[in-house]
Amino acid sequence: MAQVLVIEDNDQFREVLKEMLSRSGYDVLMAANGRDGVDIYREKRPDVVITDVIMPEKDGAEVIFELQKEFPDIKMIVMTGGGQGDAKTYLQSITTYSRVKYSFEKPFALKDLREAVKDLIEGSGEQQES
């Protein structure tokens, strides 16, 4: 069973994502902040990481760049509802300077996230913008 790590500081939204991904057949690991998320990834090495951007302890951009430096083949999805400026511009700046294949601006359709996870696990893994 493929494993997905969700790093999200909003407890309710993290649970929604866990439920959706579990129903889709994934084993879901969860972290409430970036620091814990990095630790979990290093220990468990899940197939895909989904991370929020604005979080305590360590923000999503720090998580992305730290893990990509240490694990160049990591498969990641980034999501945010805000940032410096508008969310779309913030996501574009992160994806431009990282190897994140998919980015989502909150709110988004859960089916789109589910399809992105499936593609990263089963698909070619080639870089493309969402």
N, C-alpha and C. Protein backbone atom coordinates (compact mmCIF):
# COMPACT_ATOMS: atom_id res chain seq x y z
N MET A 1 0.85 -1.18 0.00
CA MET A 1 0.00 0.00 0.00
C MET A 1 0.89 1.24 0.00
N ALA A 2 0.61 2.15 -0.90
CA ALA A 2 1.39 3.38 -0.99
C ALA A 2 1.12 4.27 0.23
N GLN A 3 2.14 5.00 0.62
CA GLN A 3 2.05 5.83 1.81
C GLN A 3 2.15 7.31 1.42
N VAL A 4 1.28 8.13 2.02
CA VAL A 4 1.25 9.56 1.77
C VAL A 4 1.40 10.29 3.10
N LEU A 5 2.29 11.28 3.13
CA LEU A 5 2.47 12.12 4.30
C LEU A 5 1.78 13.45 4.06
N VAL A 6 0.87 13.82 4.95
CA VAL A 6 0.18 15.10 4.90
C VAL A 6 0.74 16.00 6.00
N ILE A 7 1.30 17.14 5.59
CA ILE A 7 1.82 18.12 6.55
C ILE A 7 0.91 19.34 6.47
N GLU A 8 0.09 19.52 7.49
CA GLU A 8 -0.95 20.57 7.50
C GLU A 8 -1.23 20.95 8.94
N ASP A 9 -1.18 22.24 9.23
CA ASP A 9 -1.38 22.68 10.62
C ASP A 9 -2.84 22.81 11.02
N ASN A 10 -3.76 22.85 10.07
CA ASN A 10 -5.18 22.93 10.39
C ASN A 10 -5.70 21.52 10.66
N ASP A 11 -6.04 21.25 11.93
CA ASP A 11 -6.45 19.90 12.34
C ASP A 11 -7.62 19.36 11.53
N GLN A 12 -8.63 20.18 11.33
CA GLN A 12 -9.83 19.74 10.62
C GLN A 12 -9.51 19.40 9.16
N PHE A 13 -8.76 20.26 8.49
CA PHE A 13 -8.43 20.01 7.09
C PHE A 13 -7.51 18.80 6.95
N ARG A 14 -6.59 18.64 7.89
CA ARG A 14 -5.69 17.48 7.88
C ARG A 14 -6.51 16.19 7.98
N GLU A 15 -7.53 16.19 8.83
CA GLU A 15 -8.40 15.01 8.96
C GLU A 15 -9.21 14.74 7.69
N VAL A 16 -9.68 15.81 7.04
CA VAL A 16 -10.42 15.66 5.77
C VAL A 16 -9.50 14.99 4.73
N LEU A 17 -8.28 15.47 4.64
CA LEU A 17 -7.33 14.89 3.68
C LEU A 17 -7.02 13.44 4.03
N LYS A 18 -6.86 13.14 5.32
CA LYS A 18 -6.59 11.77 5.73
C LYS A 18 -7.74 10.85 5.33
N GLU A 19 -8.96 11.29 5.59
CA GLU A 19 -10.14 10.49 5.25
C GLU A 19 -10.21 10.22 3.74
N MET A 20 -10.04 11.27 2.95
CA MET A 20 -10.12 11.13 1.50
C MET A 20 -9.03 10.20 0.97
N LEU A 21 -7.82 10.38 1.45
CA LEU A 21 -6.71 9.55 0.96
C LEU A 21 -6.84 8.11 1.45
N SER A 22 -7.30 7.92 2.68
CA SER A 22 -7.51 6.56 3.20
C SER A 22 -8.57 5.83 2.38
N ARG A 23 -9.65 6.52 2.06
CA ARG A 23 -10.71 5.91 1.23
C ARG A 23 -10.22 5.58 -0.17
N SER A 24 -9.17 6.28 -0.61
CA SER A 24 -8.60 6.01 -1.93
C SER A 24 -7.55 4.90 -1.88
N GLY A 25 -7.36 4.31 -0.69
CA GLY A 25 -6.48 3.16 -0.56
C GLY A 25 -5.05 3.46 -0.14
N TYR A 26 -4.80 4.66 0.36
CA TYR A 26 -3.45 5.02 0.79
C TYR A 26 -3.30 4.92 2.30
N ASP A 27 -2.11 4.58 2.73
CA ASP A 27 -1.75 4.64 4.14
C ASP A 27 -1.31 6.08 4.39
N VAL A 28 -1.95 6.77 5.32
CA VAL A 28 -1.71 8.20 5.51
C VAL A 28 -0.98 8.47 6.82
N LEU A 29 0.12 9.18 6.70
CA LEU A 29 0.87 9.68 7.85
C LEU A 29 0.54 11.16 7.97
N MET A 30 0.56 11.70 9.19
CA MET A 30 0.20 13.10 9.35
C MET A 30 1.17 13.83 10.26
N ALA A 31 1.36 15.11 9.94
CA ALA A 31 2.17 15.99 10.78
C ALA A 31 1.47 17.34 10.84
N ALA A 32 1.52 17.98 12.02
CA ALA A 32 0.84 19.26 12.22
C ALA A 32 1.76 20.46 11.97
N ASN A 33 3.03 20.20 11.69
CA ASN A 33 3.96 21.29 11.38
C ASN A 33 5.10 20.75 10.53
N GLY A 34 5.84 21.67 9.94
CA GLY A 34 6.91 21.28 9.03
C GLY A 34 8.05 20.52 9.69
N ARG A 35 8.40 20.88 10.90
CA ARG A 35 9.50 20.19 11.60
C ARG A 35 9.17 18.72 11.78
N ASP A 36 7.95 18.44 12.29
CA ASP A 36 7.54 17.05 12.48
C ASP A 36 7.43 16.32 11.14
N GLY A 37 6.95 17.02 10.13
CA GLY A 37 6.82 16.43 8.81
C GLY A 37 8.16 15.96 8.24
N VAL A 38 9.18 16.79 8.39
CA VAL A 38 10.53 16.42 7.93
C VAL A 38 11.02 15.20 8.69
N ASP A 39 10.82 15.18 10.00
CA ASP A 39 11.24 14.04 10.81
C ASP A 39 10.53 12.76 10.38
N ILE A 40 9.22 12.84 10.15
CA ILE A 40 8.45 11.67 9.71
C ILE A 40 8.95 11.19 8.36
N TYR A 41 9.19 12.13 7.44
CA TYR A 41 9.68 11.71 6.12
C TYR A 41 11.01 10.97 6.24
N ARG A 42 11.92 11.49 7.01
CA ARG A 42 13.23 10.87 7.16
C ARG A 42 13.11 9.46 7.73
N GLU A 43 12.16 9.26 8.64
CA GLU A 43 11.99 7.96 9.28
C GLU A 43 11.23 6.96 8.41
N LYS A 44 10.15 7.41 7.76
CA LYS A 44 9.25 6.49 7.06
C LYS A 44 9.40 6.46 5.54
N ARG A 45 9.91 7.52 4.94
CA ARG A 45 10.07 7.65 3.49
C ARG A 45 8.79 7.32 2.71
N PRO A 46 7.70 8.04 2.96
CA PRO A 46 6.47 7.79 2.23
C PRO A 46 6.63 8.08 0.74
N ASP A 47 5.70 7.59 -0.06
CA ASP A 47 5.76 7.73 -1.52
C ASP A 47 5.53 9.16 -1.99
N VAL A 48 4.65 9.88 -1.29
CA VAL A 48 4.29 11.26 -1.67
C VAL A 48 4.16 12.10 -0.41
N VAL A 49 4.57 13.37 -0.51
CA VAL A 49 4.38 14.34 0.57
C VAL A 49 3.46 15.44 0.06
N ILE A 50 2.43 15.73 0.84
CA ILE A 50 1.55 16.87 0.58
C ILE A 50 1.80 17.86 1.70
N THR A 51 2.23 19.07 1.36
CA THR A 51 2.52 20.03 2.42
C THR A 51 1.82 21.36 2.20
N ASP A 52 1.34 21.90 3.31
CA ASP A 52 0.84 23.26 3.33
C ASP A 52 2.07 24.17 3.31
N VAL A 53 1.86 25.47 3.06
CA VAL A 53 2.98 26.40 3.05
C VAL A 53 3.08 27.15 4.37
N ILE A 54 2.00 27.80 4.79
CA ILE A 54 2.03 28.62 5.99
C ILE A 54 1.77 27.74 7.20
N MET A 55 2.84 27.45 7.98
CA MET A 55 2.74 26.58 9.15
C MET A 55 3.73 27.02 10.22
N PRO A 56 3.47 26.60 11.47
CA PRO A 56 4.43 26.88 12.54
C PRO A 56 5.62 25.93 12.46
N GLU A 57 6.63 26.24 13.23
CA GLU A 57 7.84 25.42 13.39
C GLU A 57 8.75 25.46 12.16
N LYS A 58 8.20 25.19 11.00
CA LYS A 58 8.95 25.22 9.74
C LYS A 58 7.91 25.32 8.64
N ASP A 59 8.02 26.36 7.78
CA ASP A 59 6.99 26.51 6.76
C ASP A 59 7.21 25.54 5.60
N GLY A 60 6.21 25.46 4.74
CA GLY A 60 6.24 24.50 3.64
C GLY A 60 7.39 24.70 2.67
N ALA A 61 7.74 25.95 2.40
CA ALA A 61 8.87 26.21 1.50
C ALA A 61 10.16 25.63 2.09
N GLU A 62 10.36 25.81 3.39
CA GLU A 62 11.54 25.24 4.05
C GLU A 62 11.52 23.71 3.98
N VAL A 63 10.35 23.13 4.19
CA VAL A 63 10.19 21.68 4.11
C VAL A 63 10.57 21.19 2.72
N ILE A 64 10.03 21.85 1.70
CA ILE A 64 10.27 21.44 0.32
C ILE A 64 11.76 21.47 0.00
N PHE A 65 12.40 22.61 0.24
CA PHE A 65 13.80 22.75 -0.15
C PHE A 65 14.73 21.85 0.68
N GLU A 66 14.42 21.68 1.96
CA GLU A 66 15.24 20.81 2.80
C GLU A 66 15.14 19.36 2.35
N LEU A 67 13.92 18.88 2.14
CA LEU A 67 13.75 17.49 1.73
C LEU A 67 14.25 17.24 0.31
N GLN A 68 14.04 18.19 -0.60
CA GLN A 68 14.52 17.98 -1.97
C GLN A 68 16.05 17.97 -2.03
N LYS A 69 16.69 18.72 -1.17
CA LYS A 69 18.16 18.71 -1.13
C LYS A 69 18.66 17.35 -0.64
N GLU A 70 17.99 16.82 0.38
CA GLU A 70 18.40 15.56 0.97
C GLU A 70 17.93 14.34 0.17
N PHE A 71 16.75 14.46 -0.45
CA PHE A 71 16.14 13.35 -1.20
C PHE A 71 15.72 13.87 -2.58
N PRO A 72 16.63 13.93 -3.54
CA PRO A 72 16.35 14.56 -4.84
C PRO A 72 15.15 13.96 -5.60
N ASP A 73 14.81 12.71 -5.36
CA ASP A 73 13.71 12.07 -6.10
C ASP A 73 12.37 12.15 -5.38
N ILE A 74 12.28 12.91 -4.30
CA ILE A 74 11.05 13.01 -3.52
C ILE A 74 9.91 13.54 -4.39
N LYS A 75 8.72 13.00 -4.17
CA LYS A 75 7.52 13.44 -4.89
C LYS A 75 6.68 14.28 -3.94
N MET A 76 6.41 15.53 -4.33
CA MET A 76 5.75 16.46 -3.43
C MET A 76 4.62 17.22 -4.12
N ILE A 77 3.64 17.57 -3.29
CA ILE A 77 2.53 18.44 -3.68
C ILE A 77 2.49 19.55 -2.66
N VAL A 78 2.32 20.79 -3.13
CA VAL A 78 2.24 21.93 -2.22
C VAL A 78 0.86 22.57 -2.34
N MET A 79 0.36 23.08 -1.21
CA MET A 79 -0.95 23.73 -1.19
C MET A 79 -0.88 24.92 -0.24
N THR A 80 -1.64 25.95 -0.54
CA THR A 80 -1.70 27.09 0.37
C THR A 80 -2.97 27.89 0.12
N GLY A 81 -3.34 28.63 1.14
CA GLY A 81 -4.47 29.55 1.04
C GLY A 81 -3.99 30.98 1.13
N GLY A 82 -2.69 31.18 1.25
CA GLY A 82 -2.17 32.54 1.38
C GLY A 82 -0.68 32.57 1.22
N GLY A 83 -0.11 33.66 1.61
CA GLY A 83 1.33 33.83 1.50
C GLY A 83 1.66 35.28 1.28
N GLN A 84 2.87 35.54 0.89
CA GLN A 84 3.29 36.91 0.61
C GLN A 84 2.69 37.31 -0.72
N GLY A 85 1.67 38.17 -0.69
CA GLY A 85 0.92 38.48 -1.89
C GLY A 85 -0.23 37.51 -2.00
N ASP A 86 -0.67 37.25 -3.21
CA ASP A 86 -1.77 36.30 -3.36
C ASP A 86 -1.24 34.87 -3.43
N ALA A 87 -2.10 33.92 -3.13
CA ALA A 87 -1.70 32.51 -3.03
C ALA A 87 -1.15 31.98 -4.35
N LYS A 88 -1.77 32.34 -5.46
CA LYS A 88 -1.33 31.82 -6.76
C LYS A 88 0.10 32.25 -7.07
N THR A 89 0.42 33.51 -6.84
CA THR A 89 1.77 34.02 -7.08
C THR A 89 2.76 33.34 -6.15
N TYR A 90 2.37 33.16 -4.91
CA TYR A 90 3.24 32.51 -3.92
C TYR A 90 3.54 31.07 -4.34
N LEU A 91 2.52 30.34 -4.77
CA LEU A 91 2.72 28.96 -5.23
C LEU A 91 3.62 28.92 -6.45
N GLN A 92 3.43 29.85 -7.38
CA GLN A 92 4.26 29.88 -8.58
C GLN A 92 5.72 30.10 -8.23
N SER A 93 5.98 30.97 -7.26
CA SER A 93 7.37 31.22 -6.88
C SER A 93 8.00 29.97 -6.26
N ILE A 94 7.23 29.24 -5.48
CA ILE A 94 7.76 28.00 -4.87
C ILE A 94 8.01 26.94 -5.94
N THR A 95 7.04 26.74 -6.83
CA THR A 95 7.19 25.68 -7.84
C THR A 95 8.25 26.04 -8.88
N THR A 96 8.47 27.32 -9.12
CA THR A 96 9.50 27.73 -10.07
C THR A 96 10.89 27.33 -9.58
N TYR A 97 11.12 27.41 -8.29
CA TYR A 97 12.44 27.16 -7.73
C TYR A 97 12.56 25.80 -7.05
N SER A 98 11.61 24.92 -7.28
CA SER A 98 11.66 23.59 -6.69
C SER A 98 11.26 22.57 -7.75
N ARG A 99 11.24 21.31 -7.35
CA ARG A 99 10.81 20.25 -8.26
C ARG A 99 9.44 19.72 -7.85
N VAL A 100 8.58 20.60 -7.37
CA VAL A 100 7.23 20.21 -6.99
C VAL A 100 6.38 20.12 -8.26
N LYS A 101 5.75 18.99 -8.46
CA LYS A 101 4.98 18.77 -9.69
C LYS A 101 3.61 19.43 -9.64
N TYR A 102 2.94 19.37 -8.51
CA TYR A 102 1.57 19.89 -8.40
C TYR A 102 1.48 20.93 -7.28
N SER A 103 0.70 21.96 -7.55
CA SER A 103 0.42 22.97 -6.52
C SER A 103 -1.07 23.27 -6.55
N PHE A 104 -1.63 23.50 -5.37
CA PHE A 104 -3.06 23.77 -5.23
C PHE A 104 -3.29 24.97 -4.36
N GLU A 105 -4.16 25.85 -4.84
CA GLU A 105 -4.58 27.01 -4.07
C GLU A 105 -5.88 26.65 -3.35
N LYS A 106 -5.89 26.81 -2.03
CA LYS A 106 -7.10 26.51 -1.24
C LYS A 106 -8.14 27.60 -1.48
N PRO A 107 -9.39 27.23 -1.56
CA PRO A 107 -9.93 25.86 -1.57
C PRO A 107 -9.75 25.21 -2.95
N PHE A 108 -9.66 23.91 -2.97
CA PHE A 108 -9.52 23.15 -4.21
C PHE A 108 -10.38 21.91 -4.12
N ALA A 109 -10.62 21.28 -5.27
CA ALA A 109 -11.43 20.07 -5.31
C ALA A 109 -10.59 18.89 -4.84
N LEU A 110 -11.10 18.15 -3.88
CA LEU A 110 -10.37 17.00 -3.35
C LEU A 110 -10.06 15.98 -4.44
N LYS A 111 -10.95 15.86 -5.42
CA LYS A 111 -10.70 14.90 -6.51
C LYS A 111 -9.44 15.28 -7.29
N ASP A 112 -9.16 16.58 -7.42
CA ASP A 112 -7.95 17.01 -8.13
C ASP A 112 -6.70 16.60 -7.35
N LEU A 113 -6.75 16.74 -6.03
CA LEU A 113 -5.62 16.32 -5.20
C LEU A 113 -5.45 14.80 -5.28
N ARG A 114 -6.55 14.08 -5.22
CA ARG A 114 -6.50 12.61 -5.31
C ARG A 114 -5.86 12.18 -6.64
N GLU A 115 -6.23 12.84 -7.73
CA GLU A 115 -5.67 12.51 -9.04
C GLU A 115 -4.17 12.84 -9.10
N ALA A 116 -3.76 13.92 -8.45
CA ALA A 116 -2.34 14.29 -8.43
C ALA A 116 -1.53 13.24 -7.66
N VAL A 117 -2.06 12.80 -6.52
CA VAL A 117 -1.38 11.76 -5.74
C VAL A 117 -1.25 10.49 -6.57
N LYS A 118 -2.33 10.10 -7.21
CA LYS A 118 -2.32 8.89 -8.04
C LYS A 118 -1.29 9.00 -9.15
N ASP A 119 -1.22 10.15 -9.79
CA ASP A 119 -0.25 10.35 -10.87
C ASP A 119 1.18 10.24 -10.35
N LEU A 120 1.45 10.83 -9.20
CA LEU A 120 2.81 10.78 -8.66
C LEU A 120 3.21 9.36 -8.28
N ILE A 121 2.25 8.59 -7.79
CA ILE A 121 2.55 7.22 -7.37
C ILE A 121 2.60 6.26 -8.57
N GLU A 122 1.65 6.40 -9.47
CA GLU A 122 1.55 5.44 -10.58
C GLU A 122 2.10 5.97 -11.90
N GLY A 123 2.18 7.29 -12.02
CA GLY A 123 2.52 7.90 -13.30
C GLY A 123 4.01 8.01 -13.55
N SER A 124 4.32 8.80 -14.53
CA SER A 124 5.70 8.95 -14.99
C SER A 124 6.52 9.82 -14.05
N GLY A 125 5.86 10.69 -13.27
CA GLY A 125 6.59 11.57 -12.38
C GLY A 125 7.24 12.75 -13.07
N GLU A 126 6.94 12.96 -14.37
CA GLU A 126 7.53 14.09 -15.08
C GLU A 126 6.98 15.40 -14.54
N GLN A 127 7.81 16.43 -14.59
CA GLN A 127 7.43 17.74 -14.07
C GLN A 127 6.34 18.36 -14.95
N GLN A 128 5.29 18.85 -14.32
CA GLN A 128 4.26 19.60 -15.03
C GLN A 128 3.56 20.49 -14.04
N GLU A 129 2.94 21.53 -14.56
CA GLU A 129 2.26 22.47 -13.67
C GLU A 129 0.79 22.14 -13.62
N SER A 130 0.21 22.30 -12.44
CA SER A 130 -1.21 22.02 -12.24
C SER A 130 -1.99 23.31 -12.22
